[in-house]
C-alpha cells in the first residue's frame, strides 16, 4: 500500500524520472541504501522503486508509528521502526535481518537523519552511521546504492518553509530523479565497509543530481 500510494502521489508534486546502471539488480534479499535529504524523499524513492517492480520494507523513525492510521498500516505491511538512542535500537537490525531472510528487500537510510541546511540545494550524502555495516555483517546481503535528487525542492528548511514548499509543489512541479546503482558486496571490516557503502550511494546521488543540473554534482 505504501509503495502504491507513493507512486500515485509523487506525480502530483513533481516530475519523477528513474535511471539504472547497466548492472543494477534489485534481487530478493538485498539491502537498498539511499541518501536522505528531505521529508519528501522516502516517497520519491518508494515511487521510483515501485516503477521498477520493487516494494521494499522500510526502516524508518519509530515516531511514525505513533501516527494513528499510518502506524497501523506500517505495522501491517511489515515496515521496521527504528528507536534511536534506545535499548530497542537493536530490534530494528534483527527485524531487518528477518525480512532479508524471507526474501524481502530492505530500504535503509544510513545517514540516520536529515541534513541541517536551510537551502534547497543538493549536497553529497553525510557520514553514514554504523547500522548499515552491522546489518551487512549480520546477513551478508548485497547493498544496492540508490541516489535521489530534487526532493529538497519539494520540502526543505524550516517547518514553515517545508509546509510552503509542499503546498506549492503541485504548481511548481519540480524535477525529481532517482538513480539505482550496481549492487556492491561489502566484504571489508567496520569503518571501511561503511565508507565503501557511502561512496557507492554518493556515486548514485551524483548521477541523479547531475540529471537535474545541480551545481554540487556538476562541479564534482
N, C-alpha and C. Protein backbone atom coordinates (compact mmCIF):
# COMPACT_ATOMS: atom_id res chain seq x y z
N UNK A 1 0.83 -1.20 0.00
CA UNK A 1 0.00 0.00 0.00
C UNK A 1 0.86 1.25 0.00
N UNK A 2 1.92 1.26 0.84
CA UNK A 2 2.77 2.45 0.95
C UNK A 2 3.44 2.76 -0.38
N UNK A 3 3.96 1.74 -1.06
CA UNK A 3 4.63 1.95 -2.34
C UNK A 3 3.64 2.41 -3.41
N UNK A 4 2.46 1.79 -3.44
CA UNK A 4 1.45 2.20 -4.43
C UNK A 4 1.00 3.63 -4.18
N UNK A 5 0.84 3.98 -2.91
CA UNK A 5 0.41 5.33 -2.56
C UNK A 5 1.46 6.35 -2.98
N UNK A 6 2.73 6.05 -2.71
CA UNK A 6 3.80 6.96 -3.11
C UNK A 6 3.82 7.15 -4.62
N UNK A 7 3.66 6.07 -5.37
CA UNK A 7 3.69 6.15 -6.83
C UNK A 7 2.51 6.95 -7.37
N UNK A 8 1.40 6.96 -6.63
CA UNK A 8 0.23 7.72 -7.06
C UNK A 8 0.35 9.20 -6.71
N UNK A 9 0.99 9.50 -5.56
CA UNK A 9 1.03 10.88 -5.07
C UNK A 9 2.20 11.70 -5.60
N UNK A 10 3.36 11.05 -5.79
CA UNK A 10 4.55 11.80 -6.19
C UNK A 10 4.34 12.57 -7.50
N UNK A 11 3.68 12.00 -8.52
CA UNK A 11 3.47 12.78 -9.76
C UNK A 11 2.66 14.06 -9.55
N UNK A 12 1.95 14.15 -8.44
CA UNK A 12 1.18 15.36 -8.16
C UNK A 12 2.06 16.50 -7.67
N UNK A 13 3.25 16.18 -7.14
CA UNK A 13 4.11 17.24 -6.59
C UNK A 13 5.39 17.46 -7.38
N UNK A 14 5.66 16.60 -8.36
CA UNK A 14 6.88 16.78 -9.14
C UNK A 14 6.94 15.85 -10.32
N UNK A 15 7.98 16.02 -11.13
CA UNK A 15 8.17 15.21 -12.34
C UNK A 15 9.30 14.23 -12.09
N UNK A 16 8.93 12.99 -11.83
CA UNK A 16 9.90 11.97 -11.44
C UNK A 16 10.41 11.19 -12.65
N UNK A 17 11.74 11.06 -12.73
CA UNK A 17 12.37 10.19 -13.71
C UNK A 17 13.29 9.22 -12.97
N UNK A 18 13.51 8.06 -13.58
CA UNK A 18 14.29 7.00 -12.95
C UNK A 18 15.28 6.42 -13.95
N UNK A 19 16.53 6.21 -13.51
CA UNK A 19 17.53 5.54 -14.33
C UNK A 19 18.21 4.45 -13.49
N UNK A 20 18.88 3.53 -14.19
CA UNK A 20 19.61 2.46 -13.51
C UNK A 20 20.95 2.23 -14.20
N UNK A 21 21.92 1.78 -13.43
CA UNK A 21 23.18 1.32 -14.02
C UNK A 21 22.91 0.08 -14.88
N UNK A 22 23.80 -0.18 -15.81
CA UNK A 22 23.64 -1.36 -16.66
C UNK A 22 23.63 -2.64 -15.83
N UNK A 23 24.40 -2.67 -14.75
CA UNK A 23 24.46 -3.87 -13.93
C UNK A 23 23.57 -3.83 -12.70
N UNK A 24 22.65 -2.88 -12.64
CA UNK A 24 21.78 -2.76 -11.48
C UNK A 24 20.87 -3.98 -11.36
N UNK A 25 20.71 -4.46 -10.14
CA UNK A 25 19.84 -5.60 -9.88
C UNK A 25 19.23 -5.47 -8.49
N UNK A 26 17.91 -5.55 -8.44
CA UNK A 26 17.20 -5.45 -7.18
C UNK A 26 16.71 -6.85 -6.81
N UNK A 27 17.67 -7.71 -6.45
CA UNK A 27 17.37 -9.11 -6.18
C UNK A 27 16.74 -9.28 -4.80
N UNK A 28 15.88 -10.29 -4.63
CA UNK A 28 15.31 -10.58 -3.31
C UNK A 28 16.42 -10.74 -2.27
N UNK A 29 16.17 -10.22 -1.06
CA UNK A 29 17.16 -10.33 0.00
C UNK A 29 18.27 -9.30 -0.06
N UNK A 30 18.05 -8.21 -0.82
CA UNK A 30 19.06 -7.15 -0.93
C UNK A 30 18.72 -5.99 0.00
N UNK A 31 19.76 -5.27 0.41
CA UNK A 31 19.60 -4.03 1.17
C UNK A 31 19.66 -2.87 0.19
N UNK A 32 18.70 -1.98 0.24
CA UNK A 32 18.71 -0.77 -0.58
C UNK A 32 19.13 0.39 0.31
N UNK A 33 20.24 1.04 -0.02
CA UNK A 33 20.73 2.18 0.76
C UNK A 33 20.56 3.45 -0.05
N UNK A 34 19.82 4.41 0.48
CA UNK A 34 19.54 5.66 -0.24
C UNK A 34 19.99 6.86 0.58
N UNK A 35 20.31 7.95 -0.12
CA UNK A 35 20.65 9.20 0.58
C UNK A 35 19.37 9.87 1.08
N UNK A 36 19.50 10.61 2.17
CA UNK A 36 18.33 11.20 2.85
C UNK A 36 18.53 12.71 2.95
N UNK A 37 17.69 13.47 2.26
CA UNK A 37 17.86 14.93 2.23
C UNK A 37 16.61 15.70 2.61
N UNK A 38 15.45 15.06 2.63
CA UNK A 38 14.18 15.76 2.79
C UNK A 38 13.13 14.82 3.34
N UNK A 39 12.12 15.40 3.97
CA UNK A 39 10.98 14.58 4.41
C UNK A 39 10.24 13.97 3.23
N UNK A 40 10.45 14.53 2.04
CA UNK A 40 9.75 14.04 0.86
C UNK A 40 10.46 12.88 0.18
N UNK A 41 11.76 12.68 0.44
CA UNK A 41 12.48 11.70 -0.39
C UNK A 41 12.10 10.24 -0.17
N UNK A 42 11.61 9.81 1.02
CA UNK A 42 11.16 8.42 1.09
C UNK A 42 10.04 8.12 0.09
N UNK A 43 9.10 9.04 -0.06
CA UNK A 43 8.03 8.84 -1.03
C UNK A 43 8.58 8.80 -2.45
N UNK A 44 9.55 9.67 -2.73
CA UNK A 44 10.15 9.72 -4.07
C UNK A 44 10.85 8.40 -4.38
N UNK A 45 11.63 7.89 -3.43
CA UNK A 45 12.36 6.64 -3.64
C UNK A 45 11.39 5.47 -3.77
N UNK A 46 10.38 5.41 -2.92
CA UNK A 46 9.39 4.33 -2.99
C UNK A 46 8.66 4.35 -4.33
N UNK A 47 8.31 5.54 -4.81
CA UNK A 47 7.64 5.65 -6.10
C UNK A 47 8.53 5.14 -7.22
N UNK A 48 9.81 5.51 -7.18
CA UNK A 48 10.75 5.07 -8.21
C UNK A 48 10.92 3.55 -8.18
N UNK A 49 11.08 2.99 -6.99
CA UNK A 49 11.25 1.54 -6.87
C UNK A 49 9.99 0.80 -7.30
N UNK A 50 8.83 1.38 -7.00
CA UNK A 50 7.57 0.75 -7.42
C UNK A 50 7.50 0.65 -8.93
N UNK A 51 8.01 1.66 -9.62
CA UNK A 51 8.03 1.63 -11.08
C UNK A 51 8.96 0.54 -11.61
N UNK A 52 9.93 0.16 -10.78
CA UNK A 52 10.85 -0.91 -11.15
C UNK A 52 10.37 -2.27 -10.65
N UNK A 53 9.15 -2.30 -10.10
CA UNK A 53 8.57 -3.55 -9.64
C UNK A 53 9.01 -4.00 -8.26
N UNK A 54 9.51 -3.07 -7.43
CA UNK A 54 10.04 -3.40 -6.11
C UNK A 54 9.25 -2.67 -5.03
N UNK A 55 8.86 -3.43 -3.99
CA UNK A 55 8.14 -2.85 -2.85
C UNK A 55 8.88 -3.22 -1.57
N UNK A 56 9.84 -2.41 -1.17
CA UNK A 56 10.70 -2.79 -0.05
C UNK A 56 10.05 -2.59 1.32
N UNK A 57 10.62 -3.28 2.30
CA UNK A 57 10.36 -2.97 3.70
C UNK A 57 11.23 -1.76 4.05
N UNK A 58 10.67 -0.80 4.77
CA UNK A 58 11.39 0.43 5.08
C UNK A 58 11.77 0.48 6.55
N UNK A 59 13.04 0.80 6.83
CA UNK A 59 13.46 1.11 8.20
C UNK A 59 13.27 2.60 8.40
N UNK A 60 12.39 2.98 9.33
CA UNK A 60 12.02 4.38 9.49
C UNK A 60 11.94 4.75 10.96
N UNK A 61 12.03 6.04 11.23
CA UNK A 61 11.98 6.51 12.61
C UNK A 61 10.70 6.05 13.30
N UNK A 62 10.85 5.58 14.53
CA UNK A 62 9.74 4.98 15.27
C UNK A 62 8.60 5.97 15.52
N UNK A 63 8.88 7.27 15.45
CA UNK A 63 7.84 8.26 15.68
C UNK A 63 6.67 8.13 14.72
N UNK A 64 6.93 7.62 13.51
CA UNK A 64 5.86 7.46 12.53
C UNK A 64 4.81 6.46 12.99
N UNK A 65 5.21 5.52 13.83
CA UNK A 65 4.27 4.51 14.31
C UNK A 65 3.28 5.09 15.32
N UNK A 66 3.56 6.30 15.81
CA UNK A 66 2.62 6.95 16.74
C UNK A 66 1.51 7.69 16.02
N UNK A 67 1.62 7.81 14.69
CA UNK A 67 0.54 8.42 13.90
C UNK A 67 -0.54 7.36 13.72
N UNK A 68 -1.76 7.58 14.25
CA UNK A 68 -2.77 6.52 14.36
C UNK A 68 -2.97 5.64 13.13
N UNK A 69 -3.42 6.19 12.01
CA UNK A 69 -3.72 5.38 10.84
C UNK A 69 -2.43 4.89 10.18
N UNK A 70 -1.45 5.78 10.05
CA UNK A 70 -0.19 5.42 9.42
C UNK A 70 0.53 4.32 10.20
N UNK A 71 0.55 4.44 11.52
CA UNK A 71 1.25 3.46 12.34
C UNK A 71 0.70 2.06 12.15
N UNK A 72 -0.61 1.92 12.09
CA UNK A 72 -1.22 0.60 11.89
C UNK A 72 -0.86 0.05 10.51
N UNK A 73 -0.85 0.93 9.50
CA UNK A 73 -0.52 0.48 8.15
C UNK A 73 0.94 0.03 8.07
N UNK A 74 1.83 0.77 8.72
CA UNK A 74 3.25 0.41 8.70
C UNK A 74 3.47 -0.95 9.37
N UNK A 75 2.79 -1.18 10.48
CA UNK A 75 2.91 -2.46 11.18
C UNK A 75 2.36 -3.59 10.33
N UNK A 76 1.20 -3.37 9.72
CA UNK A 76 0.55 -4.41 8.91
C UNK A 76 1.42 -4.83 7.73
N UNK A 77 2.16 -3.87 7.16
CA UNK A 77 2.96 -4.17 5.98
C UNK A 77 4.38 -4.60 6.31
N UNK A 78 4.70 -4.69 7.59
CA UNK A 78 5.99 -5.23 7.99
C UNK A 78 7.14 -4.25 7.98
N UNK A 79 6.87 -2.94 7.91
CA UNK A 79 7.96 -1.96 7.97
C UNK A 79 8.56 -1.94 9.38
N UNK A 80 9.77 -1.42 9.49
CA UNK A 80 10.57 -1.63 10.70
C UNK A 80 10.83 -0.31 11.42
N UNK A 81 10.31 -0.15 12.67
CA UNK A 81 10.58 1.08 13.43
C UNK A 81 11.99 1.10 13.99
N UNK A 82 12.63 2.25 13.89
CA UNK A 82 13.98 2.43 14.43
C UNK A 82 13.90 3.35 15.64
N UNK A 83 14.21 2.81 16.81
CA UNK A 83 14.19 3.59 18.05
C UNK A 83 15.61 4.09 18.31
N UNK A 84 15.91 5.27 17.86
CA UNK A 84 17.27 5.80 18.02
C UNK A 84 17.55 6.16 19.48
N UNK A 85 18.76 5.83 19.93
CA UNK A 85 19.16 6.17 21.28
C UNK A 85 18.37 5.44 22.34
N UNK A 86 17.87 4.25 22.01
CA UNK A 86 17.00 3.49 22.90
C UNK A 86 17.53 2.06 22.94
N UNK A 87 17.26 1.35 24.02
CA UNK A 87 17.73 -0.04 24.12
C UNK A 87 17.06 -0.93 23.08
N UNK A 88 15.95 -0.43 22.49
CA UNK A 88 15.26 -1.21 21.46
C UNK A 88 15.86 -1.00 20.07
N UNK A 89 16.92 -0.19 19.97
CA UNK A 89 17.51 0.11 18.67
C UNK A 89 17.98 -1.16 17.95
N UNK A 90 18.51 -2.12 18.71
CA UNK A 90 18.99 -3.36 18.09
C UNK A 90 17.87 -4.18 17.49
N UNK A 91 16.64 -3.97 17.97
CA UNK A 91 15.50 -4.72 17.43
C UNK A 91 15.31 -4.43 15.95
N UNK A 92 15.64 -3.22 15.52
CA UNK A 92 15.46 -2.85 14.12
C UNK A 92 16.36 -3.69 13.22
N UNK A 93 17.61 -3.90 13.63
CA UNK A 93 18.53 -4.72 12.83
C UNK A 93 18.05 -6.17 12.78
N UNK A 94 17.56 -6.68 13.91
CA UNK A 94 17.06 -8.05 13.92
C UNK A 94 15.83 -8.18 13.01
N UNK A 95 14.95 -7.18 13.06
CA UNK A 95 13.77 -7.21 12.18
C UNK A 95 14.15 -7.12 10.72
N UNK A 96 15.16 -6.31 10.41
CA UNK A 96 15.62 -6.19 9.03
C UNK A 96 16.25 -7.49 8.56
N UNK A 97 17.03 -8.13 9.43
CA UNK A 97 17.67 -9.39 9.07
C UNK A 97 16.63 -10.47 8.79
N UNK A 98 15.56 -10.49 9.57
CA UNK A 98 14.49 -11.47 9.35
C UNK A 98 13.79 -11.21 8.02
N UNK A 99 13.56 -9.93 7.71
CA UNK A 99 12.91 -9.58 6.44
C UNK A 99 13.79 -10.00 5.25
N UNK A 100 15.08 -9.77 5.36
CA UNK A 100 16.00 -10.17 4.29
C UNK A 100 16.02 -11.69 4.11
N UNK A 101 15.97 -12.40 5.23
CA UNK A 101 15.98 -13.86 5.16
C UNK A 101 14.73 -14.38 4.45
N UNK A 102 13.62 -13.64 4.58
CA UNK A 102 12.37 -14.03 3.91
C UNK A 102 12.36 -13.64 2.44
N UNK A 103 13.43 -12.98 1.98
CA UNK A 103 13.50 -12.57 0.59
C UNK A 103 12.98 -11.18 0.31
N UNK A 104 12.65 -10.43 1.36
CA UNK A 104 12.23 -9.04 1.16
C UNK A 104 13.44 -8.15 0.91
N UNK A 105 13.22 -7.03 0.26
CA UNK A 105 14.26 -6.01 0.14
C UNK A 105 14.03 -4.99 1.26
N UNK A 106 15.10 -4.51 1.84
CA UNK A 106 15.01 -3.58 2.96
C UNK A 106 15.64 -2.26 2.58
N UNK A 107 14.87 -1.17 2.73
CA UNK A 107 15.35 0.17 2.44
C UNK A 107 15.84 0.82 3.73
N UNK A 108 17.11 1.27 3.71
CA UNK A 108 17.71 1.88 4.89
C UNK A 108 18.30 3.23 4.54
N UNK A 109 18.19 4.18 5.47
CA UNK A 109 18.81 5.50 5.33
C UNK A 109 19.98 5.55 6.30
N UNK A 110 21.17 5.27 5.77
CA UNK A 110 22.34 5.06 6.63
C UNK A 110 22.86 6.33 7.28
N UNK A 111 22.45 7.51 6.77
CA UNK A 111 22.88 8.75 7.40
C UNK A 111 22.20 8.94 8.76
N UNK A 112 21.05 8.31 8.92
CA UNK A 112 20.37 8.34 10.21
C UNK A 112 19.61 9.61 10.51
N UNK A 113 19.52 10.55 9.59
CA UNK A 113 18.78 11.78 9.83
C UNK A 113 18.92 12.73 8.66
N UNK A 114 18.25 13.87 8.78
CA UNK A 114 18.26 14.86 7.70
C UNK A 114 19.39 15.88 7.90
N UNK A 115 19.90 16.46 6.81
CA UNK A 115 20.95 17.49 6.94
C UNK A 115 20.37 18.77 7.55
N UNK A 116 21.19 19.48 8.30
CA UNK A 116 20.75 20.72 8.93
C UNK A 116 21.11 21.91 8.02
N UNK A 117 20.39 22.02 6.93
CA UNK A 117 20.60 23.11 5.97
C UNK A 117 19.26 23.75 5.64
N UNK A 118 19.28 25.05 5.42
CA UNK A 118 18.04 25.76 5.13
C UNK A 118 17.74 25.87 3.65
N UNK A 119 18.77 25.75 2.80
CA UNK A 119 18.57 25.94 1.37
C UNK A 119 18.04 24.66 0.73
N UNK A 120 17.63 24.77 -0.53
CA UNK A 120 17.06 23.62 -1.25
C UNK A 120 18.08 22.95 -2.16
N UNK A 121 19.35 23.35 -2.07
CA UNK A 121 20.38 22.80 -2.96
C UNK A 121 20.75 21.38 -2.57
N UNK A 122 21.35 20.66 -3.51
CA UNK A 122 21.82 19.30 -3.28
C UNK A 122 23.24 19.32 -2.71
N UNK A 123 23.55 18.29 -1.94
CA UNK A 123 24.91 18.08 -1.44
C UNK A 123 25.10 16.58 -1.28
N UNK A 124 26.35 16.13 -1.34
CA UNK A 124 26.60 14.69 -1.26
C UNK A 124 26.20 14.16 0.12
N UNK A 125 25.92 12.86 0.22
CA UNK A 125 25.48 12.28 1.49
C UNK A 125 26.45 12.57 2.63
N UNK A 126 25.89 12.77 3.82
CA UNK A 126 26.70 12.98 5.00
C UNK A 126 27.24 11.64 5.50
N UNK A 127 28.04 11.68 6.54
CA UNK A 127 28.65 10.46 7.07
C UNK A 127 27.59 9.43 7.43
N UNK A 128 27.87 8.16 7.12
CA UNK A 128 26.95 7.07 7.45
C UNK A 128 27.18 6.63 8.89
N UNK A 129 26.09 6.22 9.54
CA UNK A 129 26.21 5.59 10.84
C UNK A 129 26.52 4.11 10.64
N UNK A 130 26.67 3.40 11.72
CA UNK A 130 27.16 2.01 11.63
C UNK A 130 26.08 0.98 11.35
N UNK A 131 24.81 1.39 11.36
CA UNK A 131 23.73 0.42 11.22
C UNK A 131 23.79 -0.41 9.95
N UNK A 132 24.07 0.23 8.82
CA UNK A 132 24.15 -0.49 7.56
C UNK A 132 25.27 -1.52 7.60
N UNK A 133 26.43 -1.13 8.08
CA UNK A 133 27.57 -2.04 8.17
C UNK A 133 27.23 -3.24 9.05
N UNK A 134 26.57 -2.99 10.17
CA UNK A 134 26.23 -4.08 11.09
C UNK A 134 25.19 -5.01 10.48
N UNK A 135 24.27 -4.46 9.69
CA UNK A 135 23.27 -5.30 9.04
C UNK A 135 23.92 -6.19 7.98
N UNK A 136 24.89 -5.64 7.26
CA UNK A 136 25.63 -6.45 6.27
C UNK A 136 26.42 -7.54 6.97
N UNK A 137 27.06 -7.19 8.08
CA UNK A 137 27.83 -8.18 8.83
C UNK A 137 26.94 -9.30 9.33
N UNK A 138 25.72 -8.95 9.72
CA UNK A 138 24.77 -9.92 10.26
C UNK A 138 24.21 -10.84 9.19
N UNK A 139 24.03 -10.32 7.99
CA UNK A 139 23.31 -11.07 6.95
C UNK A 139 24.12 -11.44 5.72
N UNK A 140 25.19 -10.68 5.44
CA UNK A 140 25.94 -10.89 4.21
C UNK A 140 25.20 -10.44 2.96
N UNK A 141 24.13 -9.67 3.13
CA UNK A 141 23.31 -9.24 1.99
C UNK A 141 24.04 -8.22 1.12
N UNK A 142 23.82 -8.25 -0.20
CA UNK A 142 24.39 -7.22 -1.07
C UNK A 142 23.67 -5.89 -0.84
N UNK A 143 24.37 -4.81 -1.14
CA UNK A 143 23.81 -3.47 -0.96
C UNK A 143 23.60 -2.82 -2.33
N UNK A 144 22.39 -2.36 -2.57
CA UNK A 144 22.06 -1.66 -3.81
C UNK A 144 22.05 -0.16 -3.50
N UNK A 145 23.01 0.61 -4.04
CA UNK A 145 23.04 2.05 -3.78
C UNK A 145 22.01 2.79 -4.62
N UNK A 146 21.28 3.67 -3.97
CA UNK A 146 20.26 4.48 -4.66
C UNK A 146 20.52 5.95 -4.34
N UNK A 147 20.55 6.76 -5.38
CA UNK A 147 20.72 8.20 -5.21
C UNK A 147 19.47 8.92 -5.67
N UNK A 148 18.98 9.83 -4.85
CA UNK A 148 17.83 10.63 -5.25
C UNK A 148 18.20 12.10 -5.17
N UNK A 149 17.63 12.88 -6.06
CA UNK A 149 17.87 14.33 -6.07
C UNK A 149 16.57 15.04 -6.43
N UNK A 150 16.40 16.23 -5.88
CA UNK A 150 15.21 17.03 -6.17
C UNK A 150 14.20 17.09 -5.07
N UNK A 151 14.26 16.16 -4.12
CA UNK A 151 13.26 16.14 -3.05
C UNK A 151 13.32 17.40 -2.20
N UNK A 152 14.51 18.01 -2.08
CA UNK A 152 14.62 19.25 -1.31
C UNK A 152 13.88 20.40 -1.99
N UNK A 153 13.60 20.25 -3.28
CA UNK A 153 12.81 21.27 -3.97
C UNK A 153 11.33 21.17 -3.60
N UNK A 154 10.96 20.03 -3.03
CA UNK A 154 9.58 19.86 -2.54
C UNK A 154 9.48 20.35 -1.11
N UNK A 155 10.31 19.80 -0.22
CA UNK A 155 10.32 20.26 1.17
C UNK A 155 11.75 20.33 1.69
N UNK A 156 12.09 21.44 2.33
CA UNK A 156 13.39 21.61 2.98
C UNK A 156 13.33 22.85 3.85
N UNK A 157 14.31 22.99 4.74
CA UNK A 157 14.39 24.19 5.57
C UNK A 157 13.52 24.12 6.81
N UNK A 158 13.08 25.29 7.28
CA UNK A 158 12.27 25.38 8.49
C UNK A 158 10.91 24.72 8.29
N UNK A 159 10.20 24.53 9.40
CA UNK A 159 8.88 23.90 9.30
C UNK A 159 7.94 24.72 8.41
N UNK A 160 7.97 26.03 8.56
CA UNK A 160 7.10 26.89 7.74
C UNK A 160 7.48 26.78 6.26
N UNK A 161 8.80 26.75 6.00
CA UNK A 161 9.26 26.65 4.62
C UNK A 161 8.90 25.29 4.02
N UNK A 162 8.97 24.24 4.84
CA UNK A 162 8.61 22.91 4.36
C UNK A 162 7.13 22.85 3.98
N UNK A 163 6.28 23.40 4.82
CA UNK A 163 4.85 23.41 4.53
C UNK A 163 4.55 24.21 3.27
N UNK A 164 5.22 25.36 3.15
CA UNK A 164 5.01 26.19 1.97
C UNK A 164 5.47 25.46 0.71
N UNK A 165 6.60 24.77 0.82
CA UNK A 165 7.11 24.02 -0.32
C UNK A 165 6.17 22.92 -0.75
N UNK A 166 5.62 22.21 0.24
CA UNK A 166 4.72 21.11 -0.06
C UNK A 166 3.44 21.60 -0.72
N UNK A 167 2.90 22.72 -0.24
CA UNK A 167 1.65 23.23 -0.79
C UNK A 167 1.82 23.83 -2.18
N UNK A 168 3.01 24.37 -2.46
CA UNK A 168 3.22 24.99 -3.77
C UNK A 168 3.81 24.03 -4.81
N UNK A 169 4.28 22.87 -4.35
CA UNK A 169 4.90 21.92 -5.27
C UNK A 169 4.00 21.52 -6.43
N UNK A 170 2.68 21.28 -6.22
CA UNK A 170 1.83 20.91 -7.36
C UNK A 170 1.78 21.98 -8.45
N UNK A 171 2.03 23.23 -8.07
CA UNK A 171 2.07 24.31 -9.07
C UNK A 171 3.46 24.40 -9.71
N UNK A 172 4.50 24.24 -8.89
CA UNK A 172 5.87 24.35 -9.40
C UNK A 172 6.32 23.09 -10.14
N UNK A 173 5.86 21.92 -9.69
CA UNK A 173 6.21 20.63 -10.26
C UNK A 173 7.72 20.50 -10.49
N UNK A 174 8.51 20.51 -9.40
CA UNK A 174 9.96 20.40 -9.54
C UNK A 174 10.36 19.05 -10.12
N UNK A 175 11.51 19.02 -10.78
CA UNK A 175 12.04 17.78 -11.32
C UNK A 175 12.65 16.94 -10.20
N UNK A 176 12.41 15.65 -10.25
CA UNK A 176 12.91 14.70 -9.27
C UNK A 176 13.59 13.56 -10.04
N UNK A 177 14.71 13.08 -9.53
CA UNK A 177 15.35 11.97 -10.24
C UNK A 177 15.91 10.97 -9.24
N UNK A 178 15.73 9.68 -9.56
CA UNK A 178 16.27 8.59 -8.75
C UNK A 178 17.13 7.71 -9.64
N UNK A 179 18.34 7.40 -9.16
CA UNK A 179 19.23 6.52 -9.92
C UNK A 179 19.60 5.31 -9.07
N UNK A 180 19.47 4.12 -9.66
CA UNK A 180 19.79 2.87 -8.97
C UNK A 180 21.13 2.36 -9.48
N UNK A 181 22.07 2.17 -8.57
CA UNK A 181 23.40 1.72 -8.95
C UNK A 181 23.54 0.21 -8.94
N UNK A 182 24.69 -0.25 -9.35
CA UNK A 182 25.00 -1.68 -9.35
C UNK A 182 25.25 -2.15 -7.92
N UNK A 183 24.76 -3.34 -7.56
CA UNK A 183 24.96 -3.83 -6.18
C UNK A 183 26.44 -3.94 -5.83
N UNK A 184 26.74 -3.74 -4.56
CA UNK A 184 28.11 -3.89 -4.07
C UNK A 184 28.13 -4.92 -2.94
N UNK A 185 29.17 -5.72 -2.91
CA UNK A 185 29.40 -6.68 -1.83
C UNK A 185 30.37 -6.03 -0.85
N UNK A 186 29.91 -5.81 0.35
CA UNK A 186 30.74 -5.12 1.35
C UNK A 186 31.48 -6.16 2.20
N UNK A 187 32.68 -6.50 1.75
CA UNK A 187 33.46 -7.55 2.42
C UNK A 187 34.51 -6.99 3.37
N UNK A 188 34.72 -5.68 3.35
CA UNK A 188 35.72 -5.08 4.25
C UNK A 188 35.19 -5.10 5.69
N UNK A 189 35.98 -4.58 6.61
CA UNK A 189 35.59 -4.57 8.01
C UNK A 189 35.18 -3.16 8.46
N UNK A 190 34.25 -3.10 9.39
CA UNK A 190 33.90 -1.90 10.12
C UNK A 190 33.80 -0.62 9.33
N UNK A 191 34.69 0.34 9.65
CA UNK A 191 34.65 1.66 9.05
C UNK A 191 34.85 1.61 7.55
N UNK A 192 35.69 0.70 7.07
CA UNK A 192 35.95 0.59 5.63
C UNK A 192 34.68 0.15 4.90
N UNK A 193 33.91 -0.74 5.52
CA UNK A 193 32.66 -1.19 4.93
C UNK A 193 31.66 -0.03 4.85
N UNK A 194 31.60 0.74 5.91
CA UNK A 194 30.70 1.88 5.94
C UNK A 194 31.08 2.91 4.88
N UNK A 195 32.37 3.17 4.75
CA UNK A 195 32.82 4.18 3.79
C UNK A 195 32.61 3.73 2.36
N UNK A 196 32.78 2.44 2.09
CA UNK A 196 32.54 1.95 0.73
C UNK A 196 31.06 2.08 0.37
N UNK A 197 30.19 1.80 1.33
CA UNK A 197 28.75 1.95 1.08
C UNK A 197 28.42 3.41 0.80
N UNK A 198 29.00 4.32 1.58
CA UNK A 198 28.74 5.75 1.37
C UNK A 198 29.25 6.18 0.00
N UNK A 199 30.40 5.68 -0.42
CA UNK A 199 30.95 6.04 -1.73
C UNK A 199 30.02 5.58 -2.85
N UNK A 200 29.43 4.39 -2.71
CA UNK A 200 28.53 3.87 -3.74
C UNK A 200 27.24 4.69 -3.80
N UNK A 201 26.70 5.06 -2.63
CA UNK A 201 25.49 5.87 -2.62
C UNK A 201 25.79 7.28 -3.14
N UNK A 202 26.97 7.80 -2.81
CA UNK A 202 27.37 9.12 -3.32
C UNK A 202 27.46 9.13 -4.83
N UNK A 203 28.00 8.05 -5.41
CA UNK A 203 28.10 7.96 -6.87
C UNK A 203 26.71 7.92 -7.50
N UNK A 204 25.78 7.20 -6.88
CA UNK A 204 24.41 7.14 -7.39
C UNK A 204 23.73 8.50 -7.26
N UNK A 205 23.97 9.17 -6.11
CA UNK A 205 23.40 10.52 -5.92
C UNK A 205 23.97 11.47 -6.97
N UNK A 206 25.27 11.38 -7.23
CA UNK A 206 25.90 12.30 -8.19
C UNK A 206 25.26 12.15 -9.58
N UNK A 207 24.96 10.92 -9.97
CA UNK A 207 24.30 10.68 -11.26
C UNK A 207 22.92 11.31 -11.28
N UNK A 208 22.17 11.13 -10.17
CA UNK A 208 20.81 11.69 -10.09
C UNK A 208 20.85 13.22 -10.10
N UNK A 209 21.74 13.80 -9.30
CA UNK A 209 21.81 15.26 -9.19
C UNK A 209 22.29 15.89 -10.48
N UNK A 210 23.22 15.22 -11.18
CA UNK A 210 23.69 15.75 -12.46
C UNK A 210 22.56 15.79 -13.48
N UNK A 211 21.65 14.84 -13.41
CA UNK A 211 20.49 14.84 -14.31
C UNK A 211 19.64 16.10 -14.14
N UNK A 212 19.67 16.65 -12.93
CA UNK A 212 18.90 17.85 -12.64
C UNK A 212 19.73 19.12 -12.80
N UNK A 213 21.00 18.97 -13.20
CA UNK A 213 21.87 20.12 -13.37
C UNK A 213 22.30 20.76 -12.07
N UNK A 214 22.32 19.97 -10.98
CA UNK A 214 22.69 20.52 -9.68
C UNK A 214 24.19 20.86 -9.65
N UNK A 215 24.54 22.09 -9.25
CA UNK A 215 25.94 22.51 -9.25
C UNK A 215 26.86 21.61 -8.45
N UNK A 216 26.41 21.09 -7.29
CA UNK A 216 27.27 20.26 -6.46
C UNK A 216 27.71 19.01 -7.19
N UNK A 217 26.84 18.44 -8.01
CA UNK A 217 27.18 17.23 -8.76
C UNK A 217 28.01 17.56 -9.99
N UNK A 218 27.69 18.63 -10.66
CA UNK A 218 28.40 19.00 -11.88
C UNK A 218 29.83 19.43 -11.59
N UNK A 219 30.02 20.08 -10.43
CA UNK A 219 31.37 20.51 -10.04
C UNK A 219 32.27 19.32 -9.77
N UNK A 220 31.69 18.25 -9.19
CA UNK A 220 32.48 17.07 -8.90
C UNK A 220 32.84 16.32 -10.17
